[in-house]
Amino acid sequence: MHYRRFSIFFVGIASLVTSCTTAFIDEGTVGELPPITRIVTYEADIRSVMTNNCITCHAGPAPNADLDLSNYQNVRFSAESGGLISRMNNAASPMPPSGILPPAVRQLIDKWAADGFPEN
């Protein structure tokens, strides 16, 4: 009787644990997307990416990793140094930690860099 209860309990716990994983949806790669032909700017395109994905942790008086991504200058510096873009493209240790950003978003960041990091 106790063995049966333990088995049911164990299966229930195992189901709970395995259901709490991050879902991965294969959206392709940046290279599979049509090229962006317009100029990508911080204000029009990148600022919203930072607001929606980064500044929860990387802003305020004590940002994580001492990395404040709440303004153009800081985002540009981090992108130019290579840290921001490499972490956003790192599937093994992505930023944000919830999972690698969709290819279309990463393509915007790459195009912004290729365009010379324009602000407006």
PDB file of N, CA and C in Angstrom:
ATOM      1  N   MET A   1       0.814  -1.189   0.000  1.00  0.00           N
ATOM      2  CA  MET A   1       0.000   0.000   0.000  1.00  0.00           C
ATOM      3  C   MET A   1       0.864   1.263   0.000  1.00  0.00           C
ATOM      4  N   HIS A   2       1.883   1.285   0.862  1.00  0.00           N
ATOM      5  CA  HIS A   2       2.766   2.445   0.922  1.00  0.00           C
ATOM      6  C   HIS A   2       3.576   2.585  -0.369  1.00  0.00           C
ATOM      7  N   TYR A   3       3.928   1.453  -0.969  1.00  0.00           N
ATOM      8  CA  TYR A   3       4.690   1.482  -2.222  1.00  0.00           C
ATOM      9  C   TYR A   3       3.867   2.152  -3.315  1.00  0.00           C
ATOM     10  N   ARG A   4       2.591   1.871  -3.371  1.00  0.00           N
ATOM     11  CA  ARG A   4       1.717   2.447  -4.385  1.00  0.00           C
ATOM     12  C   ARG A   4       1.581   3.962  -4.179  1.00  0.00           C
ATOM     13  N   ARG A   5       1.387   4.384  -2.952  1.00  0.00           N
ATOM     14  CA  ARG A   5       1.293   5.823  -2.657  1.00  0.00           C
ATOM     15  C   ARG A   5       2.594   6.534  -3.009  1.00  0.00           C
ATOM     16  N   PHE A   6       3.712   5.894  -2.669  1.00  0.00           N
ATOM     17  CA  PHE A   6       5.016   6.477  -2.988  1.00  0.00           C
ATOM     18  C   PHE A   6       5.180   6.599  -4.497  1.00  0.00           C
ATOM     19  N   SER A   7       4.786   5.580  -5.239  1.00  0.00           N
ATOM     20  CA  SER A   7       4.901   5.597  -6.698  1.00  0.00           C
ATOM     21  C   SER A   7       4.064   6.723  -7.298  1.00  0.00           C
ATOM     22  N   ILE A   8       2.843   6.858  -6.812  1.00  0.00           N
ATOM     23  CA  ILE A   8       1.971   7.925  -7.318  1.00  0.00           C
ATOM     24  C   ILE A   8       2.552   9.284  -6.962  1.00  0.00           C
ATOM     25  N   PHE A   9       3.038   9.439  -5.755  1.00  0.00           N
ATOM     26  CA  PHE A   9       3.664  10.686  -5.327  1.00  0.00           C
ATOM     27  C   PHE A   9       4.888  11.000  -6.184  1.00  0.00           C
ATOM     28  N   PHE A  10       5.736   9.990  -6.401  1.00  0.00           N
ATOM     29  CA  PHE A  10       6.961  10.178  -7.185  1.00  0.00           C
ATOM     30  C   PHE A  10       6.632  10.580  -8.618  1.00  0.00           C
ATOM     31  N   VAL A  11       5.668   9.920  -9.241  1.00  0.00           N
ATOM     32  CA  VAL A  11       5.275  10.254 -10.611  1.00  0.00           C
ATOM     33  C   VAL A  11       4.719  11.680 -10.661  1.00  0.00           C
ATOM     34  N   GLY A  12       3.943  12.069  -9.669  1.00  0.00           N
ATOM     35  CA  GLY A  12       3.401  13.426  -9.623  1.00  0.00           C
ATOM     36  C   GLY A  12       4.496  14.475  -9.514  1.00  0.00           C
ATOM     37  N   ILE A  13       5.454  14.239  -8.652  1.00  0.00           N
ATOM     38  CA  ILE A  13       6.576  15.181  -8.487  1.00  0.00           C
ATOM     39  C   ILE A  13       7.412  15.231  -9.763  1.00  0.00           C
ATOM     40  N   ALA A  14       7.693  14.093 -10.355  1.00  0.00           N
ATOM     41  CA  ALA A  14       8.478  14.052 -11.597  1.00  0.00           C
ATOM     42  C   ALA A  14       7.762  14.815 -12.705  1.00  0.00           C
ATOM     43  N   SER A  15       6.464  14.677 -12.794  1.00  0.00           N
ATOM     44  CA  SER A  15       5.691  15.404 -13.802  1.00  0.00           C
ATOM     45  C   SER A  15       5.768  16.909 -13.565  1.00  0.00           C
ATOM     46  N   LEU A  16       5.677  17.312 -12.317  1.00  0.00           N
ATOM     47  CA  LEU A  16       5.766  18.731 -11.978  1.00  0.00           C
ATOM     48  C   LEU A  16       7.121  19.305 -12.352  1.00  0.00           C
ATOM     49  N   VAL A  17       8.179  18.607 -12.003  1.00  0.00           N
ATOM     50  CA  VAL A  17       9.534  19.094 -12.261  1.00  0.00           C
ATOM     51  C   VAL A  17       9.797  19.194 -13.754  1.00  0.00           C
ATOM     52  N   THR A  18       9.411  18.192 -14.508  1.00  0.00           N
ATOM     53  CA  THR A  18       9.694  18.218 -15.944  1.00  0.00           C
ATOM     54  C   THR A  18       8.819  19.209 -16.688  1.00  0.00           C
ATOM     55  N   SER A  19       7.694  19.593 -16.127  1.00  0.00           N
ATOM     56  CA  SER A  19       6.832  20.569 -16.792  1.00  0.00           C
ATOM     57  C   SER A  19       7.311  21.999 -16.567  1.00  0.00           C
ATOM     58  N   CYS A  20       8.280  22.212 -15.716  1.00  0.00           N
ATOM     59  CA  CYS A  20       8.763  23.553 -15.393  1.00  0.00           C
ATOM     60  C   CYS A  20      10.008  23.933 -16.180  1.00  0.00           C
ATOM     61  N   THR A  21      10.157  23.426 -17.359  1.00  0.00           N
ATOM     62  CA  THR A  21      11.306  23.769 -18.173  1.00  0.00           C
ATOM     63  C   THR A  21      10.949  24.922 -19.096  1.00  0.00           C
ATOM     64  N   THR A  22      11.952  25.602 -19.597  1.00  0.00           N
ATOM     65  CA  THR A  22      11.740  26.677 -20.542  1.00  0.00           C
ATOM     66  C   THR A  22      11.464  26.075 -21.910  1.00  0.00           C
ATOM     67  N   ALA A  23      10.400  26.504 -22.528  1.00  0.00           N
ATOM     68  CA  ALA A  23      10.067  26.003 -23.854  1.00  0.00           C
ATOM     69  C   ALA A  23      11.014  26.609 -24.875  1.00  0.00           C
ATOM     70  N   PHE A  24      11.390  25.813 -25.856  1.00  0.00           N
ATOM     71  CA  PHE A  24      12.241  26.306 -26.918  1.00  0.00           C
ATOM     72  C   PHE A  24      11.463  26.194 -28.214  1.00  0.00           C
ATOM     73  N   ILE A  25      11.239  27.295 -28.857  1.00  0.00           N
ATOM     74  CA  ILE A  25      10.539  27.315 -30.127  1.00  0.00           C
ATOM     75  C   ILE A  25      11.564  27.669 -31.187  1.00  0.00           C
ATOM     76  N   ASP A  26      11.743  26.774 -32.130  1.00  0.00           N
ATOM     77  CA  ASP A  26      12.712  27.008 -33.184  1.00  0.00           C
ATOM     78  C   ASP A  26      12.145  28.022 -34.164  1.00  0.00           C
ATOM     79  N   GLU A  27      12.715  29.210 -34.134  1.00  0.00           N
ATOM     80  CA  GLU A  27      12.269  30.276 -35.025  1.00  0.00           C
ATOM     81  C   GLU A  27      13.260  30.495 -36.155  1.00  0.00           C
ATOM     82  N   GLY A  28      14.156  29.554 -36.358  1.00  0.00           N
ATOM     83  CA  GLY A  28      15.147  29.695 -37.409  1.00  0.00           C
ATOM     84  C   GLY A  28      16.361  30.461 -36.920  1.00  0.00           C
ATOM     85  N   THR A  29      17.101  30.994 -37.859  1.00  0.00           N
ATOM     86  CA  THR A  29      18.306  31.751 -37.531  1.00  0.00           C
ATOM     87  C   THR A  29      18.243  33.131 -38.171  1.00  0.00           C
ATOM     88  N   VAL A  30      19.122  33.990 -37.720  1.00  0.00           N
ATOM     89  CA  VAL A  30      19.201  35.341 -38.275  1.00  0.00           C
ATOM     90  C   VAL A  30      19.508  35.267 -39.768  1.00  0.00           C
ATOM     91  N   GLY A  31      20.378  34.338 -40.157  1.00  0.00           N
ATOM     92  CA  GLY A  31      20.762  34.210 -41.560  1.00  0.00           C
ATOM     93  C   GLY A  31      19.629  33.797 -42.484  1.00  0.00           C
ATOM     94  N   GLU A  32      18.566  33.229 -41.930  1.00  0.00           N
ATOM     95  CA  GLU A  32      17.433  32.802 -42.747  1.00  0.00           C
ATOM     96  C   GLU A  32      16.414  33.917 -42.974  1.00  0.00           C
ATOM     97  N   LEU A  33      16.575  35.034 -42.284  1.00  0.00           N
ATOM     98  CA  LEU A  33      15.630  36.148 -42.409  1.00  0.00           C
ATOM     99  C   LEU A  33      15.971  37.012 -43.616  1.00  0.00           C
ATOM    100  N   PRO A  34      14.967  37.661 -44.207  1.00  0.00           N
ATOM    101  CA  PRO A  34      15.284  38.613 -45.276  1.00  0.00           C
ATOM    102  C   PRO A  34      16.074  39.775 -44.683  1.00  0.00           C
ATOM    103  N   PRO A  35      17.004  40.336 -45.433  1.00  0.00           N
ATOM    104  CA  PRO A  35      17.822  41.425 -44.879  1.00  0.00           C
ATOM    105  C   PRO A  35      16.988  42.670 -44.575  1.00  0.00           C
ATOM    106  N   ILE A  36      17.436  43.399 -43.569  1.00  0.00           N
ATOM    107  CA  ILE A  36      16.817  44.683 -43.239  1.00  0.00           C
ATOM    108  C   ILE A  36      17.487  45.718 -44.128  1.00  0.00           C
ATOM    109  N   THR A  37      16.696  46.431 -44.907  1.00  0.00           N
ATOM    110  CA  THR A  37      17.275  47.381 -45.862  1.00  0.00           C
ATOM    111  C   THR A  37      17.258  48.823 -45.368  1.00  0.00           C
ATOM    112  N   ARG A  38      16.561  49.090 -44.287  1.00  0.00           N
ATOM    113  CA  ARG A  38      16.511  50.452 -43.749  1.00  0.00           C
ATOM    114  C   ARG A  38      17.568  50.621 -42.659  1.00  0.00           C
ATOM    115  N   ILE A  39      17.792  51.868 -42.267  1.00  0.00           N
ATOM    116  CA  ILE A  39      18.702  52.172 -41.171  1.00  0.00           C
ATOM    117  C   ILE A  39      17.993  51.839 -39.854  1.00  0.00           C
ATOM    118  N   VAL A  40      18.662  51.102 -38.989  1.00  0.00           N
ATOM    119  CA  VAL A  40      18.128  50.768 -37.669  1.00  0.00           C
ATOM    120  C   VAL A  40      18.717  51.766 -36.675  1.00  0.00           C
ATOM    121  N   THR A  41      17.851  52.395 -35.873  1.00  0.00           N
ATOM    122  CA  THR A  41      18.311  53.380 -34.899  1.00  0.00           C
ATOM    123  C   THR A  41      17.949  52.950 -33.487  1.00  0.00           C
ATOM    124  N   TYR A  42      18.665  53.512 -32.537  1.00  0.00           N
ATOM    125  CA  TYR A  42      18.399  53.221 -31.136  1.00  0.00           C
ATOM    126  C   TYR A  42      16.974  53.620 -30.757  1.00  0.00           C
ATOM    127  N   GLU A  43      16.609  54.861 -31.049  1.00  0.00           N
ATOM    128  CA  GLU A  43      15.300  55.368 -30.628  1.00  0.00           C
ATOM    129  C   GLU A  43      14.148  54.603 -31.278  1.00  0.00           C
ATOM    130  N   ALA A  44      14.246  54.311 -32.555  1.00  0.00           N
ATOM    131  CA  ALA A  44      13.137  53.666 -33.265  1.00  0.00           C
ATOM    132  C   ALA A  44      13.063  52.166 -33.022  1.00  0.00           C
ATOM    133  N   ASP A  45      14.191  51.521 -32.775  1.00  0.00           N
ATOM    134  CA  ASP A  45      14.206  50.063 -32.757  1.00  0.00           C
ATOM    135  C   ASP A  45      14.813  49.433 -31.506  1.00  0.00           C
ATOM    136  N   ILE A  46      15.959  49.908 -31.091  1.00  0.00           N
ATOM    137  CA  ILE A  46      16.734  49.226 -30.044  1.00  0.00           C
ATOM    138  C   ILE A  46      16.251  49.562 -28.642  1.00  0.00           C
ATOM    139  N   ARG A  47      15.821  50.775 -28.434  1.00  0.00           N
ATOM    140  CA  ARG A  47      15.375  51.185 -27.099  1.00  0.00           C
ATOM    141  C   ARG A  47      14.266  50.266 -26.574  1.00  0.00           C
ATOM    142  N   SER A  48      13.302  49.928 -27.413  1.00  0.00           N
ATOM    143  CA  SER A  48      12.207  49.056 -26.973  1.00  0.00           C
ATOM    144  C   SER A  48      12.707  47.646 -26.666  1.00  0.00           C
ATOM    145  N   VAL A  49      13.706  47.181 -27.390  1.00  0.00           N
ATOM    146  CA  VAL A  49      14.293  45.868 -27.088  1.00  0.00           C
ATOM    147  C   VAL A  49      14.916  45.896 -25.694  1.00  0.00           C
ATOM    148  N   MET A  50      15.654  46.945 -25.387  1.00  0.00           N
ATOM    149  CA  MET A  50      16.280  47.075 -24.072  1.00  0.00           C
ATOM    150  C   MET A  50      15.217  47.188 -22.976  1.00  0.00           C
ATOM    151  N   THR A  51      14.192  47.991 -23.228  1.00  0.00           N
ATOM    152  CA  THR A  51      13.130  48.179 -22.240  1.00  0.00           C
ATOM    153  C   THR A  51      12.399  46.870 -21.963  1.00  0.00           C
ATOM    154  N   ASN A  52      12.097  46.127 -22.993  1.00  0.00           N
ATOM    155  CA  ASN A  52      11.313  44.903 -22.847  1.00  0.00           C
ATOM    156  C   ASN A  52      12.115  43.706 -22.354  1.00  0.00           C
ATOM    157  N   ASN A  53      13.435  43.723 -22.513  1.00  0.00           N
ATOM    158  CA  ASN A  53      14.217  42.527 -22.216  1.00  0.00           C
ATOM    159  C   ASN A  53      15.382  42.716 -21.252  1.00  0.00           C
ATOM    160  N   CYS A  54      15.831  43.930 -21.037  1.00  0.00           N
ATOM    161  CA  CYS A  54      17.103  44.111 -20.332  1.00  0.00           C
ATOM    162  C   CYS A  54      17.038  44.960 -19.067  1.00  0.00           C
ATOM    163  N   ILE A  55      16.303  46.063 -19.102  1.00  0.00           N
ATOM    164  CA  ILE A  55      16.444  47.020 -18.007  1.00  0.00           C
ATOM    165  C   ILE A  55      15.802  46.591 -16.705  1.00  0.00           C
ATOM    166  N   THR A  56      15.031  45.506 -16.719  1.00  0.00           N
ATOM    167  CA  THR A  56      14.515  44.998 -15.452  1.00  0.00           C
ATOM    168  C   THR A  56      15.674  44.671 -14.517  1.00  0.00           C
ATOM    169  N   CYS A  57      16.724  44.106 -15.085  1.00  0.00           N
ATOM    170  CA  CYS A  57      17.909  43.728 -14.291  1.00  0.00           C
ATOM    171  C   CYS A  57      19.063  44.710 -14.459  1.00  0.00           C
ATOM    172  N   HIS A  58      19.152  45.339 -15.619  1.00  0.00           N
ATOM    173  CA  HIS A  58      20.317  46.165 -15.939  1.00  0.00           C
ATOM    174  C   HIS A  58      19.965  47.648 -15.986  1.00  0.00           C
ATOM    175  N   ALA A  59      19.458  48.152 -14.867  1.00  0.00           N
ATOM    176  CA  ALA A  59      19.167  49.585 -14.722  1.00  0.00           C
ATOM    177  C   ALA A  59      19.014  49.883 -13.241  1.00  0.00           C
ATOM    178  N   GLY A  60      18.871  51.135 -12.935  1.00  0.00           N
ATOM    179  CA  GLY A  60      18.667  51.538 -11.549  1.00  0.00           C
ATOM    180  C   GLY A  60      19.970  51.770 -10.809  1.00  0.00           C
ATOM    181  N   PRO A  61      19.879  51.964  -9.501  1.00  0.00           N
ATOM    182  CA  PRO A  61      21.063  52.313  -8.718  1.00  0.00           C
ATOM    183  C   PRO A  61      22.072  51.171  -8.565  1.00  0.00           C
ATOM    184  N   ALA A  62      21.639  49.926  -8.708  1.00  0.00           N
ATOM    185  CA  ALA A  62      22.559  48.782  -8.563  1.00  0.00           C
ATOM    186  C   ALA A  62      22.265  47.736  -9.643  1.00  0.00           C
ATOM    187  N   PRO A  63      22.586  48.056 -10.910  1.00  0.00           N
ATOM    188  CA  PRO A  63      22.264  47.117 -11.983  1.00  0.00           C
ATOM    189  C   PRO A  63      23.104  45.838 -11.897  1.00  0.00           C
ATOM    190  N   ASN A  64      22.514  44.722 -12.321  1.00  0.00           N
ATOM    191  CA  ASN A  64      23.258  43.456 -12.344  1.00  0.00           C
ATOM    192  C   ASN A  64      24.530  43.604 -13.169  1.00  0.00           C
ATOM    193  N   ALA A  65      25.597  43.003 -12.672  1.00  0.00           N
ATOM    194  CA  ALA A  65      26.913  43.018 -13.329  1.00  0.00           C
ATOM    195  C   ALA A  65      27.423  44.436 -13.574  1.00  0.00           C
ATOM    196  N   ASP A  66      26.917  45.390 -12.808  1.00  0.00           N
ATOM    197  CA  ASP A  66      27.274  46.809 -12.990  1.00  0.00           C
ATOM    198  C   ASP A  66      27.079  47.259 -14.437  1.00  0.00           C
ATOM    199  N   LEU A  67      26.081  46.694 -15.096  1.00  0.00           N
ATOM    200  CA  LEU A  67      25.791  47.017 -16.491  1.00  0.00           C
ATOM    201  C   LEU A  67      24.440  47.714 -16.574  1.00  0.00           C
ATOM    202  N   ASP A  68      24.466  49.011 -16.793  1.00  0.00           N
ATOM    203  CA  ASP A  68      23.259  49.820 -16.916  1.00  0.00           C
ATOM    204  C   ASP A  68      22.940  49.975 -18.404  1.00  0.00           C
ATOM    205  N   LEU A  69      21.810  49.410 -18.821  1.00  0.00           N
ATOM    206  CA  LEU A  69      21.405  49.483 -20.227  1.00  0.00           C
ATOM    207  C   LEU A  69      20.173  50.368 -20.403  1.00  0.00           C
ATOM    208  N   SER A  70      20.079  51.404 -19.570  1.00  0.00           N
ATOM    209  CA  SER A  70      18.895  52.254 -19.590  1.00  0.00           C
ATOM    210  C   SER A  70      19.020  53.471 -20.502  1.00  0.00           C
ATOM    211  N   ASN A  71      20.170  53.657 -21.145  1.00  0.00           N
ATOM    212  CA  ASN A  71      20.293  54.807 -22.034  1.00  0.00           C
ATOM    213  C   ASN A  71      21.183  54.481 -23.236  1.00  0.00           C
ATOM    214  N   TYR A  72      21.082  55.332 -24.230  1.00  0.00           N
ATOM    215  CA  TYR A  72      21.798  55.128 -25.493  1.00  0.00           C
ATOM    216  C   TYR A  72      23.299  54.950 -25.307  1.00  0.00           C
ATOM    217  N   GLN A  73      23.928  55.834 -24.542  1.00  0.00           N
ATOM    218  CA  GLN A  73      25.377  55.788 -24.394  1.00  0.00           C
ATOM    219  C   GLN A  73      25.847  54.449 -23.826  1.00  0.00           C
ATOM    220  N   ASN A  74      25.169  53.962 -22.803  1.00  0.00           N
ATOM    221  CA  ASN A  74      25.580  52.709 -22.167  1.00  0.00           C
ATOM    222  C   ASN A  74      25.333  51.499 -23.066  1.00  0.00           C
ATOM    223  N   VAL A  75      24.207  51.508 -23.766  1.00  0.00           N
ATOM    224  CA  VAL A  75      23.911  50.398 -24.677  1.00  0.00           C
ATOM    225  C   VAL A  75      24.919  50.386 -25.817  1.00  0.00           C
ATOM    226  N   ARG A  76      25.215  51.546 -26.359  1.00  0.00           N
ATOM    227  CA  ARG A  76      26.186  51.615 -27.453  1.00  0.00           C
ATOM    228  C   ARG A  76      27.556  51.136 -26.989  1.00  0.00           C
ATOM    229  N   PHE A  77      27.995  51.598 -25.827  1.00  0.00           N
ATOM    230  CA  PHE A  77      29.301  51.183 -25.311  1.00  0.00           C
ATOM    231  C   PHE A  77      29.359  49.664 -25.148  1.00  0.00           C
ATOM    232  N   SER A  78      28.318  49.091 -24.579  1.00  0.00           N
ATOM    233  CA  SER A  78      28.298  47.647 -24.363  1.00  0.00           C
ATOM    234  C   SER A  78      28.253  46.888 -25.695  1.00  0.00           C
ATOM    235  N   ALA A  79      27.515  47.414 -26.655  1.00  0.00           N
ATOM    236  CA  ALA A  79      27.451  46.772 -27.973  1.00  0.00           C
ATOM    237  C   ALA A  79      28.786  46.895 -28.707  1.00  0.00           C
ATOM    238  N   GLU A  80      29.410  48.068 -28.640  1.00  0.00           N
ATOM    239  CA  GLU A  80      30.702  48.262 -29.310  1.00  0.00           C
ATOM    240  C   GLU A  80      31.796  47.398 -28.708  1.00  0.00           C
ATOM    241  N   SER A  81      31.750  47.197 -27.403  1.00  0.00           N
ATOM    242  CA  SER A  81      32.776  46.377 -26.754  1.00  0.00           C
ATOM    243  C   SER A  81      32.581  44.899 -27.048  1.00  0.00           C
ATOM    244  N   GLY A  82      31.414  44.537 -27.570  1.00  0.00           N
ATOM    245  CA  GLY A  82      31.155  43.157 -27.953  1.00  0.00           C
ATOM    246  C   GLY A  82      30.411  42.337 -26.923  1.00  0.00           C
ATOM    247  N   GLY A  83      30.372  42.797 -25.685  1.00  0.00           N
ATOM    248  CA  GLY A  83      29.732  42.020 -24.633  1.00  0.00           C
ATOM    249  C   GLY A  83      28.241  41.849 -24.814  1.00  0.00           C
ATOM    250  N   LEU A  84      27.552  42.905 -25.146  1.00  0.00           N
ATOM    251  CA  LEU A  84      26.099  42.858 -25.272  1.00  0.00           C
ATOM    252  C   LEU A  84      25.675  41.924 -26.402  1.00  0.00           C
ATOM    253  N   ILE A  85      26.247  42.099 -27.560  1.00  0.00           N
ATOM    254  CA  ILE A  85      25.831  41.323 -28.722  1.00  0.00           C
ATOM    255  C   ILE A  85      26.217  39.848 -28.569  1.00  0.00           C
ATOM    256  N   SER A  86      27.384  39.579 -28.020  1.00  0.00           N
ATOM    257  CA  SER A  86      27.788  38.176 -27.864  1.00  0.00           C
ATOM    258  C   SER A  86      26.892  37.451 -26.866  1.00  0.00           C
ATOM    259  N   ARG A  87      26.495  38.120 -25.778  1.00  0.00           N
ATOM    260  CA  ARG A  87      25.603  37.473 -24.804  1.00  0.00           C
ATOM    261  C   ARG A  87      24.205  37.278 -25.375  1.00  0.00           C
ATOM    262  N   MET A  88      23.736  38.207 -26.187  1.00  0.00           N
ATOM    263  CA  MET A  88      22.416  38.055 -26.795  1.00  0.00           C
ATOM    264  C   MET A  88      22.381  36.912 -27.812  1.00  0.00           C
ATOM    265  N   ASN A  89      23.530  36.576 -28.370  1.00  0.00           N
ATOM    266  CA  ASN A  89      23.611  35.508 -29.366  1.00  0.00           C
ATOM    267  C   ASN A  89      24.129  34.198 -28.797  1.00  0.00           C
ATOM    268  N   ASN A  90      24.373  34.136 -27.502  1.00  0.00           N
ATOM    269  CA  ASN A  90      24.945  32.952 -26.871  1.00  0.00           C
ATOM    270  C   ASN A  90      23.833  32.014 -26.398  1.00  0.00           C
ATOM    271  N   ALA A  91      23.584  30.954 -27.146  1.00  0.00           N
ATOM    272  CA  ALA A  91      22.500  30.023 -26.799  1.00  0.00           C
ATOM    273  C   ALA A  91      22.795  29.266 -25.509  1.00  0.00           C
ATOM    274  N   ALA A  92      24.073  29.059 -25.183  1.00  0.00           N
ATOM    275  CA  ALA A  92      24.434  28.315 -23.977  1.00  0.00           C
ATOM    276  C   ALA A  92      24.250  29.149 -22.707  1.00  0.00           C
ATOM    277  N   SER A  93      24.448  30.452 -22.802  1.00  0.00           N
ATOM    278  CA  SER A  93      24.306  31.334 -21.650  1.00  0.00           C
ATOM    279  C   SER A  93      23.685  32.650 -22.124  1.00  0.00           C
ATOM    280  N   PRO A  94      22.409  32.606 -22.517  1.00  0.00           N
ATOM    281  CA  PRO A  94      21.809  33.779 -23.171  1.00  0.00           C
ATOM    282  C   PRO A  94      21.452  34.900 -22.214  1.00  0.00           C
ATOM    283  N   MET A  95      21.353  36.061 -22.771  1.00  0.00           N
ATOM    284  CA  MET A  95      20.757  37.199 -22.117  1.00  0.00           C
ATOM    285  C   MET A  95      19.605  37.622 -23.003  1.00  0.00           C
ATOM    286  N   PRO A  96      18.428  37.735 -22.459  1.00  0.00           N
ATOM    287  CA  PRO A  96      18.073  37.519 -21.072  1.00  0.00           C
ATOM    288  C   PRO A  96      18.143  36.044 -20.686  1.00  0.00           C
ATOM    289  N   PRO A  97      18.260  35.767 -19.386  1.00  0.00           N
ATOM    290  CA  PRO A  97      18.399  34.388 -18.933  1.00  0.00           C
ATOM    291  C   PRO A  97      17.202  33.499 -19.270  1.00  0.00           C
ATOM    292  N   SER A  98      16.055  34.097 -19.548  1.00  0.00           N
ATOM    293  CA  SER A  98      14.866  33.312 -19.875  1.00  0.00           C
ATOM    294  C   SER A  98      14.975  32.614 -21.223  1.00  0.00           C
ATOM    295  N   GLY A  99      15.930  33.013 -22.029  1.00  0.00           N
ATOM    296  CA  GLY A  99      16.141  32.362 -23.318  1.00  0.00           C
ATOM    297  C   GLY A  99      16.624  33.334 -24.371  1.00  0.00           C
ATOM    298  N   ILE A 100      17.248  32.780 -25.379  1.00  0.00           N
ATOM    299  CA  ILE A 100      17.795  33.610 -26.452  1.00  0.00           C
ATOM    300  C   ILE A 100      16.665  34.378 -27.147  1.00  0.00           C
ATOM    301  N   LEU A 101      16.943  35.599 -27.495  1.00  0.00           N
ATOM    302  CA  LEU A 101      15.945  36.443 -28.146  1.00  0.00           C
ATOM    303  C   LEU A 101      15.635  35.905 -29.539  1.00  0.00           C
ATOM    304  N   PRO A 102      14.442  36.179 -30.048  1.00  0.00           N
ATOM    305  CA  PRO A 102      14.074  35.716 -31.386  1.00  0.00           C
ATOM    306  C   PRO A 102      15.049  36.235 -32.444  1.00  0.00           C
ATOM    307  N   PRO A 103      15.224  35.496 -33.530  1.00  0.00           N
ATOM    308  CA  PRO A 103      16.158  35.917 -34.579  1.00  0.00           C
ATOM    309  C   PRO A 103      15.888  37.321 -35.119  1.00  0.00           C
ATOM    310  N   ALA A 104      14.631  37.705 -35.258  1.00  0.00           N
ATOM    311  CA  ALA A 104      14.326  39.039 -35.789  1.00  0.00           C
ATOM    312  C   ALA A 104      14.834  40.145 -34.874  1.00  0.00           C
ATOM    313  N   VAL A 105      14.783  39.928 -33.579  1.00  0.00           N
ATOM    314  CA  VAL A 105      15.286  40.919 -32.622  1.00  0.00           C
ATOM    315  C   VAL A 105      16.803  40.968 -32.686  1.00  0.00           C
ATOM    316  N   ARG A 106      17.445  39.807 -32.728  1.00  0.00           N
ATOM    317  CA  ARG A 106      18.907  39.777 -32.818  1.00  0.00           C
ATOM    318  C   ARG A 106      19.381  40.363 -34.143  1.00  0.00           C
ATOM    319  N   GLN A 107      18.607  40.193 -35.200  1.00  0.00           N
ATOM    320  CA  GLN A 107      18.953  40.790 -36.484  1.00  0.00           C
ATOM    321  C   GLN A 107      18.923  42.313 -36.398  1.00  0.00           C
ATOM    322  N   LEU A 108      17.949  42.866 -35.667  1.00  0.00           N
ATOM    323  CA  LEU A 108      17.892  44.322 -35.465  1.00  0.00           C
ATOM    324  C   LEU A 108      19.152  44.829 -34.775  1.00  0.00           C
ATOM    325  N   ILE A 109      19.575  44.127 -33.721  1.00  0.00           N
ATOM    326  CA  ILE A 109      20.775  44.541 -32.987  1.00  0.00           C
ATOM    327  C   ILE A 109      21.995  44.479 -33.908  1.00  0.00           C
ATOM    328  N   ASP A 110      22.120  43.401 -34.667  1.00  0.00           N
ATOM    329  CA  ASP A 110      23.254  43.259 -35.593  1.00  0.00           C
ATOM    330  C   ASP A 110      23.254  44.356 -36.654  1.00  0.00           C
ATOM    331  N   LYS A 111      22.071  44.687 -37.168  1.00  0.00           N
ATOM    332  CA  LYS A 111      21.972  45.730 -38.200  1.00  0.00           C
ATOM    333  C   LYS A 111      22.281  47.092 -37.598  1.00  0.00           C
ATOM    334  N   TRP A 112      21.859  47.328 -36.377  1.00  0.00           N
ATOM    335  CA  TRP A 112      22.174  48.588 -35.695  1.00  0.00           C
ATOM    336  C   TRP A 112      23.689  48.744 -35.582  1.00  0.00           C
ATOM    337  N   ALA A 113      24.362  47.670 -35.222  1.00  0.00           N
ATOM    338  CA  ALA A 113      25.825  47.706 -35.142  1.00  0.00           C
ATOM    339  C   ALA A 113      26.435  47.955 -36.517  1.00  0.00           C
ATOM    340  N   ALA A 114      25.932  47.264 -37.526  1.00  0.00           N
ATOM    341  CA  ALA A 114      26.459  47.438 -38.890  1.00  0.00           C
ATOM    342  C   ALA A 114      26.229  48.851 -39.412  1.00  0.00           C
ATOM    343  N   ASP A 115      25.153  49.483 -38.965  1.00  0.00           N
ATOM    344  CA  ASP A 115      24.842  50.853 -39.386  1.00  0.00           C
ATOM    345  C   ASP A 115      25.641  51.906 -38.636  1.00  0.00           C
ATOM    346  N   GLY A 116      26.445  51.485 -37.646  1.00  0.00           N
ATOM    347  CA  GLY A 116      27.276  52.433 -36.907  1.00  0.00           C
ATOM    348  C   GLY A 116      26.634  52.941 -35.623  1.00  0.00           C
ATOM    349  N   PHE A 117      25.647  52.252 -35.090  1.00  0.00           N
ATOM    350  CA  PHE A 117      24.988  52.602 -33.816  1.00  0.00           C
ATOM    351  C   PHE A 117      24.306  53.971 -33.842  1.00  0.00           C
ATOM    352  N   PRO A 118      23.504  54.284 -34.885  1.00  0.00           N
ATOM    353  CA  PRO A 118      22.832  55.592 -34.892  1.00  0.00           C
ATOM    354  C   PRO A 118      21.817  55.716 -33.755  1.00  0.00           C
ATOM    355  N   GLU A 119      21.730  56.926 -33.212  1.00  0.00           N
ATOM    356  CA  GLU A 119      20.797  57.172 -32.101  1.00  0.00           C
ATOM    357  C   GLU A 119      19.392  57.464 -32.598  1.00  0.00           C
ATOM    358  N   ASN A 120      19.283  58.391 -33.566  1.00  0.00           N
ATOM    359  CA  ASN A 120      17.948  58.777 -34.080  1.00  0.00           C
ATOM    360  C   ASN A 120      17.856  58.507 -35.553  1.00  0.00           C
TER     361      ASN A 120
END
